[in-house]
Amino acid sequence: MSQQVEKQTAEDRFAGLSNVEITFMYYRLKNYLDTLNKNLDKNMISKQIDTPLGIATAIKEVKPEYVQKFKETEYYKTACDIIEKLYPVVSIIEECDDTVISLLDQLK
């Protein structure tokens, strides 16, 4: 009975997300944040724009103070916090759950 209660608690804690779903969200957000940080390190921002010929990426140089100001936003801090909190969870999943291996090959 206590195992079932523990299992329900873990499922409730992650809103019923599977290991694959948690891993997927982590790597998608991590890849996004890594790319964002690479651009910010160069004082650049990028945005995807719909054009008649398809989607294009516009890149613009910004002043360092705007980069710093952006890094102080709730948006940026939240993305960093999520990655930091999910890292140990995803590390355990990767060590213990073979079902995420094929997904990892696609996401990394």
PDB file of N, CA and C in Angstrom:
ATOM      1  N   MET A   1       0.825  -1.193   0.000  1.00  0.00           N
ATOM      2  CA  MET A   1       0.000   0.000   0.000  1.00  0.00           C
ATOM      3  C   MET A   1       0.869   1.257   0.000  1.00  0.00           C
ATOM      4  N   SER A   2       1.942   1.274   0.796  1.00  0.00           N
ATOM      5  CA  SER A   2       2.786   2.475   0.856  1.00  0.00           C
ATOM      6  C   SER A   2       3.501   2.719  -0.464  1.00  0.00           C
ATOM      7  N   GLN A   3       3.852   1.646  -1.214  1.00  0.00           N
ATOM      8  CA  GLN A   3       4.472   1.824  -2.528  1.00  0.00           C
ATOM      9  C   GLN A   3       3.515   2.533  -3.472  1.00  0.00           C
ATOM     10  N   GLN A   4       2.253   2.160  -3.427  1.00  0.00           N
ATOM     11  CA  GLN A   4       1.258   2.782  -4.297  1.00  0.00           C
ATOM     12  C   GLN A   4       1.098   4.257  -3.942  1.00  0.00           C
ATOM     13  N   VAL A   5       1.097   4.583  -2.665  1.00  0.00           N
ATOM     14  CA  VAL A   5       0.993   5.970  -2.224  1.00  0.00           C
ATOM     15  C   VAL A   5       2.212   6.757  -2.697  1.00  0.00           C
ATOM     16  N   GLU A   6       3.415   6.176  -2.563  1.00  0.00           N
ATOM     17  CA  GLU A   6       4.629   6.841  -3.022  1.00  0.00           C
ATOM     18  C   GLU A   6       4.584   7.061  -4.524  1.00  0.00           C
ATOM     19  N   LYS A   7       4.113   6.072  -5.278  1.00  0.00           N
ATOM     20  CA  LYS A   7       4.036   6.190  -6.723  1.00  0.00           C
ATOM     21  C   LYS A   7       3.061   7.297  -7.112  1.00  0.00           C
ATOM     22  N   GLN A   8       1.926   7.355  -6.466  1.00  0.00           N
ATOM     23  CA  GLN A   8       0.952   8.402  -6.765  1.00  0.00           C
ATOM     24  C   GLN A   8       1.543   9.771  -6.455  1.00  0.00           C
ATOM     25  N   THR A   9       2.266   9.883  -5.373  1.00  0.00           N
ATOM     26  CA  THR A   9       2.872  11.157  -5.006  1.00  0.00           C
ATOM     27  C   THR A   9       3.866  11.603  -6.065  1.00  0.00           C
ATOM     28  N   ALA A  10       4.702  10.692  -6.541  1.00  0.00           N
ATOM     29  CA  ALA A  10       5.676  11.037  -7.575  1.00  0.00           C
ATOM     30  C   ALA A  10       4.963  11.440  -8.859  1.00  0.00           C
ATOM     31  N   GLU A  11       3.926  10.719  -9.242  1.00  0.00           N
ATOM     32  CA  GLU A  11       3.180  11.070 -10.450  1.00  0.00           C
ATOM     33  C   GLU A  11       2.516  12.423 -10.303  1.00  0.00           C
ATOM     34  N   ASP A  12       1.935  12.682  -9.139  1.00  0.00           N
ATOM     35  CA  ASP A  12       1.297  13.977  -8.908  1.00  0.00           C
ATOM     36  C   ASP A  12       2.325  15.102  -8.948  1.00  0.00           C
ATOM     37  N   ARG A  13       3.491  14.838  -8.408  1.00  0.00           N
ATOM     38  CA  ARG A  13       4.518  15.868  -8.343  1.00  0.00           C
ATOM     39  C   ARG A  13       4.936  16.322  -9.738  1.00  0.00           C
ATOM     40  N   PHE A  14       4.987  15.388 -10.690  1.00  0.00           N
ATOM     41  CA  PHE A  14       5.377  15.721 -12.051  1.00  0.00           C
ATOM     42  C   PHE A  14       4.164  15.783 -12.976  1.00  0.00           C
ATOM     43  N   ALA A  15       2.990  15.971 -12.408  1.00  0.00           N
ATOM     44  CA  ALA A  15       1.740  16.152 -13.156  1.00  0.00           C
ATOM     45  C   ALA A  15       1.507  15.029 -14.161  1.00  0.00           C
ATOM     46  N   GLY A  16       1.956  13.828 -13.823  1.00  0.00           N
ATOM     47  CA  GLY A  16       1.736  12.690 -14.695  1.00  0.00           C
ATOM     48  C   GLY A  16       2.667  12.646 -15.896  1.00  0.00           C
ATOM     49  N   LEU A  17       3.694  13.483 -15.931  1.00  0.00           N
ATOM     50  CA  LEU A  17       4.632  13.478 -17.053  1.00  0.00           C
ATOM     51  C   LEU A  17       5.492  12.218 -17.007  1.00  0.00           C
ATOM     52  N   SER A  18       5.730  11.635 -18.165  1.00  0.00           N
ATOM     53  CA  SER A  18       6.593  10.460 -18.229  1.00  0.00           C
ATOM     54  C   SER A  18       8.053  10.898 -18.224  1.00  0.00           C
ATOM     55  N   ASN A  19       8.935   9.934 -18.031  1.00  0.00           N
ATOM     56  CA  ASN A  19      10.370  10.228 -18.064  1.00  0.00           C
ATOM     57  C   ASN A  19      10.780  10.799 -19.417  1.00  0.00           C
ATOM     58  N   VAL A  20      10.207  10.262 -20.485  1.00  0.00           N
ATOM     59  CA  VAL A  20      10.513  10.755 -21.823  1.00  0.00           C
ATOM     60  C   VAL A  20      10.057  12.205 -21.973  1.00  0.00           C
ATOM     61  N   GLU A  21       8.883  12.523 -21.474  1.00  0.00           N
ATOM     62  CA  GLU A  21       8.363  13.892 -21.574  1.00  0.00           C
ATOM     63  C   GLU A  21       9.204  14.881 -20.760  1.00  0.00           C
ATOM     64  N   ILE A  22       9.606  14.483 -19.575  1.00  0.00           N
ATOM     65  CA  ILE A  22      10.452  15.348 -18.738  1.00  0.00           C
ATOM     66  C   ILE A  22      11.796  15.574 -19.426  1.00  0.00           C
ATOM     67  N   THR A  23      12.381  14.509 -19.947  1.00  0.00           N
ATOM     68  CA  THR A  23      13.664  14.614 -20.637  1.00  0.00           C
ATOM     69  C   THR A  23      13.539  15.481 -21.886  1.00  0.00           C
ATOM     70  N   PHE A  24      12.468  15.302 -22.630  1.00  0.00           N
ATOM     71  CA  PHE A  24      12.221  16.101 -23.827  1.00  0.00           C
ATOM     72  C   PHE A  24      12.151  17.592 -23.486  1.00  0.00           C
ATOM     73  N   MET A  25      11.367  17.923 -22.477  1.00  0.00           N
ATOM     74  CA  MET A  25      11.216  19.336 -22.084  1.00  0.00           C
ATOM     75  C   MET A  25      12.553  19.911 -21.632  1.00  0.00           C
ATOM     76  N   TYR A  26      13.303  19.160 -20.856  1.00  0.00           N
ATOM     77  CA  TYR A  26      14.588  19.628 -20.363  1.00  0.00           C
ATOM     78  C   TYR A  26      15.530  19.959 -21.523  1.00  0.00           C
ATOM     79  N   TYR A  27      15.700  19.012 -22.450  1.00  0.00           N
ATOM     80  CA  TYR A  27      16.658  19.238 -23.528  1.00  0.00           C
ATOM     81  C   TYR A  27      16.197  20.293 -24.521  1.00  0.00           C
ATOM     82  N   ARG A  28      14.908  20.379 -24.773  1.00  0.00           N
ATOM     83  CA  ARG A  28      14.417  21.440 -25.667  1.00  0.00           C
ATOM     84  C   ARG A  28      14.701  22.816 -25.061  1.00  0.00           C
ATOM     85  N   LEU A  29      14.400  22.974 -23.786  1.00  0.00           N
ATOM     86  CA  LEU A  29      14.645  24.256 -23.128  1.00  0.00           C
ATOM     87  C   LEU A  29      16.145  24.514 -22.979  1.00  0.00           C
ATOM     88  N   LYS A  30      16.920  23.476 -22.667  1.00  0.00           N
ATOM     89  CA  LYS A  30      18.370  23.643 -22.522  1.00  0.00           C
ATOM     90  C   LYS A  30      19.001  24.056 -23.847  1.00  0.00           C
ATOM     91  N   ASN A  31      18.607  23.415 -24.937  1.00  0.00           N
ATOM     92  CA  ASN A  31      19.145  23.781 -26.250  1.00  0.00           C
ATOM     93  C   ASN A  31      18.778  25.222 -26.602  1.00  0.00           C
ATOM     94  N   TYR A  32      17.547  25.606 -26.317  1.00  0.00           N
ATOM     95  CA  TYR A  32      17.112  26.980 -26.558  1.00  0.00           C
ATOM     96  C   TYR A  32      17.960  27.963 -25.742  1.00  0.00           C
ATOM     97  N   LEU A  33      18.131  27.657 -24.462  1.00  0.00           N
ATOM     98  CA  LEU A  33      18.885  28.545 -23.570  1.00  0.00           C
ATOM     99  C   LEU A  33      20.367  28.596 -23.958  1.00  0.00           C
ATOM    100  N   ASP A  34      20.934  27.473 -24.365  1.00  0.00           N
ATOM    101  CA  ASP A  34      22.337  27.460 -24.814  1.00  0.00           C
ATOM    102  C   ASP A  34      22.521  28.365 -26.033  1.00  0.00           C
ATOM    103  N   THR A  35      21.616  28.263 -26.993  1.00  0.00           N
ATOM    104  CA  THR A  35      21.683  29.110 -28.190  1.00  0.00           C
ATOM    105  C   THR A  35      21.494  30.569 -27.821  1.00  0.00           C
ATOM    106  N   LEU A  36      20.547  30.835 -26.960  1.00  0.00           N
ATOM    107  CA  LEU A  36      20.298  32.205 -26.509  1.00  0.00           C
ATOM    108  C   LEU A  36      21.546  32.780 -25.840  1.00  0.00           C
ATOM    109  N   ASN A  37      22.175  32.010 -24.965  1.00  0.00           N
ATOM    110  CA  ASN A  37      23.369  32.485 -24.269  1.00  0.00           C
ATOM    111  C   ASN A  37      24.543  32.711 -25.220  1.00  0.00           C
ATOM    112  N   LYS A  38      24.680  31.860 -26.224  1.00  0.00           N
ATOM    113  CA  LYS A  38      25.744  32.068 -27.221  1.00  0.00           C
ATOM    114  C   LYS A  38      25.545  33.411 -27.927  1.00  0.00           C
ATOM    115  N   ASN A  39      24.303  33.693 -28.296  1.00  0.00           N
ATOM    116  CA  ASN A  39      24.012  34.975 -28.942  1.00  0.00           C
ATOM    117  C   ASN A  39      24.226  36.141 -27.983  1.00  0.00           C
ATOM    118  N   LEU A  40      23.766  35.998 -26.759  1.00  0.00           N
ATOM    119  CA  LEU A  40      23.911  37.085 -25.784  1.00  0.00           C
ATOM    120  C   LEU A  40      25.381  37.349 -25.470  1.00  0.00           C
ATOM    121  N   ASP A  41      26.190  36.301 -25.457  1.00  0.00           N
ATOM    122  CA  ASP A  41      27.625  36.480 -25.225  1.00  0.00           C
ATOM    123  C   ASP A  41      28.276  37.321 -26.324  1.00  0.00           C
ATOM    124  N   LYS A  42      27.664  37.310 -27.497  1.00  0.00           N
ATOM    125  CA  LYS A  42      28.163  38.108 -28.628  1.00  0.00           C
ATOM    126  C   LYS A  42      27.401  39.435 -28.760  1.00  0.00           C
ATOM    127  N   ASN A  43      26.569  39.747 -27.737  1.00  0.00           N
ATOM    128  CA  ASN A  43      25.720  40.939 -27.762  1.00  0.00           C
ATOM    129  C   ASN A  43      24.786  40.932 -28.971  1.00  0.00           C
ATOM    130  N   MET A  44      24.242  39.750 -29.257  1.00  0.00           N
ATOM    131  CA  MET A  44      23.337  39.585 -30.387  1.00  0.00           C
ATOM    132  C   MET A  44      22.028  38.975 -29.897  1.00  0.00           C
ATOM    133  N   ILE A  45      20.963  39.329 -30.599  1.00  0.00           N
ATOM    134  CA  ILE A  45      19.684  38.670 -30.377  1.00  0.00           C
ATOM    135  C   ILE A  45      19.181  38.191 -31.730  1.00  0.00           C
ATOM    136  N   SER A  46      18.388  37.151 -31.727  1.00  0.00           N
ATOM    137  CA  SER A  46      17.840  36.643 -32.972  1.00  0.00           C
ATOM    138  C   SER A  46      16.350  36.411 -32.814  1.00  0.00           C
ATOM    139  N   LYS A  47      15.657  36.470 -33.937  1.00  0.00           N
ATOM    140  CA  LYS A  47      14.216  36.266 -33.935  1.00  0.00           C
ATOM    141  C   LYS A  47      13.840  35.621 -35.249  1.00  0.00           C
ATOM    142  N   GLN A  48      12.945  34.653 -35.198  1.00  0.00           N
ATOM    143  CA  GLN A  48      12.462  34.036 -36.422  1.00  0.00           C
ATOM    144  C   GLN A  48      11.296  34.853 -36.958  1.00  0.00           C
ATOM    145  N   ILE A  49      11.321  35.069 -38.261  1.00  0.00           N
ATOM    146  CA  ILE A  49      10.319  35.899 -38.912  1.00  0.00           C
ATOM    147  C   ILE A  49       9.713  35.121 -40.074  1.00  0.00           C
ATOM    148  N   ASP A  50       8.383  35.152 -40.188  1.00  0.00           N
ATOM    149  CA  ASP A  50       7.718  34.553 -41.341  1.00  0.00           C
ATOM    150  C   ASP A  50       7.856  35.489 -42.533  1.00  0.00           C
ATOM    151  N   THR A  51       8.309  34.955 -43.641  1.00  0.00           N
ATOM    152  CA  THR A  51       8.423  35.733 -44.876  1.00  0.00           C
ATOM    153  C   THR A  51       7.660  34.989 -45.970  1.00  0.00           C
ATOM    154  N   PRO A  52       7.403  35.648 -47.087  1.00  0.00           N
ATOM    155  CA  PRO A  52       6.734  34.936 -48.194  1.00  0.00           C
ATOM    156  C   PRO A  52       7.526  33.721 -48.693  1.00  0.00           C
ATOM    157  N   LEU A  53       8.824  33.717 -48.458  1.00  0.00           N
ATOM    158  CA  LEU A  53       9.667  32.603 -48.895  1.00  0.00           C
ATOM    159  C   LEU A  53       9.882  31.551 -47.808  1.00  0.00           C
ATOM    160  N   GLY A  54       9.319  31.758 -46.636  1.00  0.00           N
ATOM    161  CA  GLY A  54       9.496  30.822 -45.527  1.00  0.00           C
ATOM    162  C   GLY A  54       9.950  31.546 -44.277  1.00  0.00           C
ATOM    163  N   ILE A  55      10.421  30.788 -43.323  1.00  0.00           N
ATOM    164  CA  ILE A  55      10.878  31.357 -42.056  1.00  0.00           C
ATOM    165  C   ILE A  55      12.335  31.781 -42.196  1.00  0.00           C
ATOM    166  N   ALA A  56      12.623  33.002 -41.755  1.00  0.00           N
ATOM    167  CA  ALA A  56      13.991  33.528 -41.774  1.00  0.00           C
ATOM    168  C   ALA A  56      14.382  33.904 -40.351  1.00  0.00           C
ATOM    169  N   THR A  57      15.672  33.932 -40.102  1.00  0.00           N
ATOM    170  CA  THR A  57      16.178  34.340 -38.796  1.00  0.00           C
ATOM    171  C   THR A  57      16.838  35.703 -38.938  1.00  0.00           C
ATOM    172  N   ALA A  58      16.327  36.653 -38.173  1.00  0.00           N
ATOM    173  CA  ALA A  58      16.916  38.000 -38.155  1.00  0.00           C
ATOM    174  C   ALA A  58      17.834  38.095 -36.945  1.00  0.00           C
ATOM    175  N   ILE A  59      19.016  38.656 -37.134  1.00  0.00           N
ATOM    176  CA  ILE A  59      19.986  38.810 -36.051  1.00  0.00           C
ATOM    177  C   ILE A  59      20.314  40.293 -35.917  1.00  0.00           C
ATOM    178  N   LYS A  60      20.320  40.759 -34.683  1.00  0.00           N
ATOM    179  CA  LYS A  60      20.588  42.171 -34.432  1.00  0.00           C
ATOM    180  C   LYS A  60      21.592  42.298 -33.300  1.00  0.00           C
ATOM    181  N   GLU A  61      22.508  43.231 -33.452  1.00  0.00           N
ATOM    182  CA  GLU A  61      23.467  43.505 -32.392  1.00  0.00           C
ATOM    183  C   GLU A  61      22.831  44.468 -31.396  1.00  0.00           C
ATOM    184  N   VAL A  62      23.080  44.226 -30.111  1.00  0.00           N
ATOM    185  CA  VAL A  62      22.537  45.087 -29.057  1.00  0.00           C
ATOM    186  C   VAL A  62      23.661  45.506 -28.116  1.00  0.00           C
ATOM    187  N   LYS A  63      23.402  46.556 -27.385  1.00  0.00           N
ATOM    188  CA  LYS A  63      24.399  47.052 -26.428  1.00  0.00           C
ATOM    189  C   LYS A  63      24.499  46.091 -25.237  1.00  0.00           C
ATOM    190  N   PRO A  64      25.689  45.988 -24.653  1.00  0.00           N
ATOM    191  CA  PRO A  64      25.883  45.094 -23.498  1.00  0.00           C
ATOM    192  C   PRO A  64      24.911  45.370 -22.350  1.00  0.00           C
ATOM    193  N   GLU A  65      24.542  46.632 -22.144  1.00  0.00           N
ATOM    194  CA  GLU A  65      23.611  46.927 -21.051  1.00  0.00           C
ATOM    195  C   GLU A  65      22.221  46.333 -21.302  1.00  0.00           C
ATOM    196  N   TYR A  66      21.830  46.179 -22.582  1.00  0.00           N
ATOM    197  CA  TYR A  66      20.548  45.546 -22.891  1.00  0.00           C
ATOM    198  C   TYR A  66      20.611  44.045 -22.643  1.00  0.00           C
ATOM    199  N   VAL A  67      21.773  43.471 -22.909  1.00  0.00           N
ATOM    200  CA  VAL A  67      21.972  42.049 -22.614  1.00  0.00           C
ATOM    201  C   VAL A  67      21.834  41.819 -21.113  1.00  0.00           C
ATOM    202  N   GLN A  68      22.498  42.640 -20.325  1.00  0.00           N
ATOM    203  CA  GLN A  68      22.426  42.517 -18.872  1.00  0.00           C
ATOM    204  C   GLN A  68      21.002  42.718 -18.375  1.00  0.00           C
ATOM    205  N   LYS A  69      20.323  43.691 -18.943  1.00  0.00           N
ATOM    206  CA  LYS A  69      18.936  43.966 -18.551  1.00  0.00           C
ATOM    207  C   LYS A  69      18.040  42.761 -18.868  1.00  0.00           C
ATOM    208  N   PHE A  70      18.267  42.142 -20.035  1.00  0.00           N
ATOM    209  CA  PHE A  70      17.492  40.959 -20.404  1.00  0.00           C
ATOM    210  C   PHE A  70      17.761  39.811 -19.438  1.00  0.00           C
ATOM    211  N   LYS A  71      19.027  39.624 -19.044  1.00  0.00           N
ATOM    212  CA  LYS A  71      19.378  38.536 -18.132  1.00  0.00           C
ATOM    213  C   LYS A  71      18.780  38.738 -16.736  1.00  0.00           C
ATOM    214  N   GLU A  72      18.291  39.909 -16.457  1.00  0.00           N
ATOM    215  CA  GLU A  72      17.649  40.191 -15.177  1.00  0.00           C
ATOM    216  C   GLU A  72      16.129  40.029 -15.237  1.00  0.00           C
ATOM    217  N   THR A  73      15.580  39.685 -16.412  1.00  0.00           N
ATOM    218  CA  THR A  73      14.127  39.534 -16.548  1.00  0.00           C
ATOM    219  C   THR A  73      13.656  38.226 -15.934  1.00  0.00           C
ATOM    220  N   GLU A  74      12.389  38.193 -15.562  1.00  0.00           N
ATOM    221  CA  GLU A  74      11.785  36.967 -15.027  1.00  0.00           C
ATOM    222  C   GLU A  74      11.813  35.852 -16.066  1.00  0.00           C
ATOM    223  N   TYR A  75      11.618  36.200 -17.325  1.00  0.00           N
ATOM    224  CA  TYR A  75      11.635  35.223 -18.417  1.00  0.00           C
ATOM    225  C   TYR A  75      12.961  34.456 -18.426  1.00  0.00           C
ATOM    226  N   TYR A  76      14.061  35.185 -18.457  1.00  0.00           N
ATOM    227  CA  TYR A  76      15.383  34.576 -18.514  1.00  0.00           C
ATOM    228  C   TYR A  76      15.695  33.808 -17.226  1.00  0.00           C
ATOM    229  N   LYS A  77      15.412  34.426 -16.092  1.00  0.00           N
ATOM    230  CA  LYS A  77      15.685  33.771 -14.807  1.00  0.00           C
ATOM    231  C   LYS A  77      14.869  32.493 -14.652  1.00  0.00           C
ATOM    232  N   THR A  78      13.619  32.513 -15.105  1.00  0.00           N
ATOM    233  CA  THR A  78      12.766  31.327 -15.006  1.00  0.00           C
ATOM    234  C   THR A  78      13.316  30.195 -15.857  1.00  0.00           C
ATOM    235  N   ALA A  79      13.733  30.511 -17.081  1.00  0.00           N
ATOM    236  CA  ALA A  79      14.314  29.486 -17.951  1.00  0.00           C
ATOM    237  C   ALA A  79      15.553  28.869 -17.294  1.00  0.00           C
ATOM    238  N   CYS A  80      16.408  29.693 -16.740  1.00  0.00           N
ATOM    239  CA  CYS A  80      17.622  29.191 -16.056  1.00  0.00           C
ATOM    240  C   CYS A  80      17.261  28.351 -14.839  1.00  0.00           C
ATOM    241  N   ASP A  81      16.277  28.788 -14.070  1.00  0.00           N
ATOM    242  CA  ASP A  81      15.855  28.051 -12.873  1.00  0.00           C
ATOM    243  C   ASP A  81      15.295  26.677 -13.232  1.00  0.00           C
ATOM    244  N   ILE A  82      14.509  26.613 -14.300  1.00  0.00           N
ATOM    245  CA  ILE A  82      13.925  25.337 -14.717  1.00  0.00           C
ATOM    246  C   ILE A  82      15.026  24.355 -15.098  1.00  0.00           C
ATOM    247  N   ILE A  83      15.993  24.819 -15.879  1.00  0.00           N
ATOM    248  CA  ILE A  83      17.105  23.953 -16.281  1.00  0.00           C
ATOM    249  C   ILE A  83      17.867  23.466 -15.058  1.00  0.00           C
ATOM    250  N   GLU A  84      18.141  24.361 -14.136  1.00  0.00           N
ATOM    251  CA  GLU A  84      18.870  24.001 -12.925  1.00  0.00           C
ATOM    252  C   GLU A  84      18.108  22.964 -12.100  1.00  0.00           C
ATOM    253  N   LYS A  85      16.793  23.122 -11.982  1.00  0.00           N
ATOM    254  CA  LYS A  85      15.985  22.201 -11.175  1.00  0.00           C
ATOM    255  C   LYS A  85      15.786  20.854 -11.858  1.00  0.00           C
ATOM    256  N   LEU A  86      15.679  20.852 -13.190  1.00  0.00           N
ATOM    257  CA  LEU A  86      15.445  19.598 -13.897  1.00  0.00           C
ATOM    258  C   LEU A  86      16.718  18.778 -14.111  1.00  0.00           C
ATOM    259  N   TYR A  87      17.871  19.426 -14.059  1.00  0.00           N
ATOM    260  CA  TYR A  87      19.125  18.716 -14.329  1.00  0.00           C
ATOM    261  C   TYR A  87      19.302  17.445 -13.480  1.00  0.00           C
ATOM    262  N   PRO A  88      19.167  17.519 -12.158  1.00  0.00           N
ATOM    263  CA  PRO A  88      19.375  16.285 -11.378  1.00  0.00           C
ATOM    264  C   PRO A  88      18.303  15.225 -11.662  1.00  0.00           C
ATOM    265  N   VAL A  89      17.098  15.662 -11.957  1.00  0.00           N
ATOM    266  CA  VAL A  89      16.016  14.722 -12.268  1.00  0.00           C
ATOM    267  C   VAL A  89      16.329  13.991 -13.571  1.00  0.00           C
ATOM    268  N   VAL A  90      16.707  14.754 -14.596  1.00  0.00           N
ATOM    269  CA  VAL A  90      17.010  14.165 -15.895  1.00  0.00           C
ATOM    270  C   VAL A  90      18.258  13.277 -15.812  1.00  0.00           C
ATOM    271  N   SER A  91      19.225  13.658 -15.010  1.00  0.00           N
ATOM    272  CA  SER A  91      20.424  12.823 -14.839  1.00  0.00           C
ATOM    273  C   SER A  91      20.062  11.454 -14.289  1.00  0.00           C
ATOM    274  N   ILE A  92      19.168  11.415 -13.321  1.00  0.00           N
ATOM    275  CA  ILE A  92      18.722  10.138 -12.740  1.00  0.00           C
ATOM    276  C   ILE A  92      17.934   9.346 -13.775  1.00  0.00           C
ATOM    277  N   ILE A  93      17.048  10.028 -14.496  1.00  0.00           N
ATOM    278  CA  ILE A  93      16.262   9.356 -15.534  1.00  0.00           C
ATOM    279  C   ILE A  93      17.189   8.712 -16.558  1.00  0.00           C
ATOM    280  N   GLU A  94      18.202   9.449 -17.010  1.00  0.00           N
ATOM    281  CA  GLU A  94      19.129   8.926 -18.019  1.00  0.00           C
ATOM    282  C   GLU A  94      19.879   7.695 -17.518  1.00  0.00           C
ATOM    283  N   GLU A  95      20.195   7.667 -16.236  1.00  0.00           N
ATOM    284  CA  GLU A  95      20.923   6.535 -15.661  1.00  0.00           C
ATOM    285  C   GLU A  95      20.032   5.313 -15.470  1.00  0.00           C
ATOM    286  N   CYS A  96      18.735   5.542 -15.227  1.00  0.00           N
ATOM    287  CA  CYS A  96      17.862   4.446 -14.792  1.00  0.00           C
ATOM    288  C   CYS A  96      16.814   4.000 -15.811  1.00  0.00           C
ATOM    289  N   ASP A  97      16.559   4.792 -16.838  1.00  0.00           N
ATOM    290  CA  ASP A  97      15.447   4.481 -17.738  1.00  0.00           C
ATOM    291  C   ASP A  97      15.944   4.372 -19.175  1.00  0.00           C
ATOM    292  N   ASP A  98      15.983   3.141 -19.671  1.00  0.00           N
ATOM    293  CA  ASP A  98      16.457   2.898 -21.033  1.00  0.00           C
ATOM    294  C   ASP A  98      15.504   3.426 -22.105  1.00  0.00           C
ATOM    295  N   THR A  99      14.276   3.736 -21.749  1.00  0.00           N
ATOM    296  CA  THR A  99      13.305   4.190 -22.754  1.00  0.00           C
ATOM    297  C   THR A  99      13.626   5.589 -23.292  1.00  0.00           C
ATOM    298  N   VAL A 100      14.504   6.310 -22.630  1.00  0.00           N
ATOM    299  CA  VAL A 100      14.825   7.670 -23.092  1.00  0.00           C
ATOM    300  C   VAL A 100      16.042   7.702 -24.026  1.00  0.00           C
ATOM    301  N   ILE A 101      16.702   6.569 -24.235  1.00  0.00           N
ATOM    302  CA  ILE A 101      17.938   6.539 -25.024  1.00  0.00           C
ATOM    303  C   ILE A 101      17.715   7.036 -26.448  1.00  0.00           C
ATOM    304  N   SER A 102      16.686   6.542 -27.131  1.00  0.00           N
ATOM    305  CA  SER A 102      16.462   6.973 -28.519  1.00  0.00           C
ATOM    306  C   SER A 102      16.116   8.459 -28.584  1.00  0.00           C
ATOM    307  N   LEU A 103      15.407   8.953 -27.602  1.00  0.00           N
ATOM    308  CA  LEU A 103      15.083  10.375 -27.559  1.00  0.00           C
ATOM    309  C   LEU A 103      16.344  11.206 -27.352  1.00  0.00           C
ATOM    310  N   LEU A 104      17.225  10.741 -26.498  1.00  0.00           N
ATOM    311  CA  LEU A 104      18.472  11.481 -26.218  1.00  0.00           C
ATOM    312  C   LEU A 104      19.314  11.623 -27.474  1.00  0.00           C
ATOM    313  N   ASP A 105      19.342  10.579 -28.286  1.00  0.00           N
ATOM    314  CA  ASP A 105      20.108  10.659 -29.538  1.00  0.00           C
ATOM    315  C   ASP A 105      19.575  11.759 -30.447  1.00  0.00           C
ATOM    316  N   GLN A 106      18.284  11.990 -30.418  1.00  0.00           N
ATOM    317  CA  GLN A 106      17.665  13.007 -31.263  1.00  0.00           C
ATOM    318  C   GLN A 106      17.802  14.397 -30.684  1.00  0.00           C
ATOM    319  N   LEU A 107      17.831  14.527 -29.371  1.00  0.00           N
ATOM    320  CA  LEU A 107      17.816  15.839 -28.722  1.00  0.00           C
ATOM    321  C   LEU A 107      19.187  16.432 -28.477  1.00  0.00           C
ATOM    322  N   LYS A 108      20.200  15.607 -28.344  1.00  0.00           N
ATOM    323  CA  LYS A 108      21.534  16.130 -28.014  1.00  0.00           C
ATOM    324  C   LYS A 108      22.243  16.620 -29.251  1.00  0.00           C
TER     325      LYS A 108
END
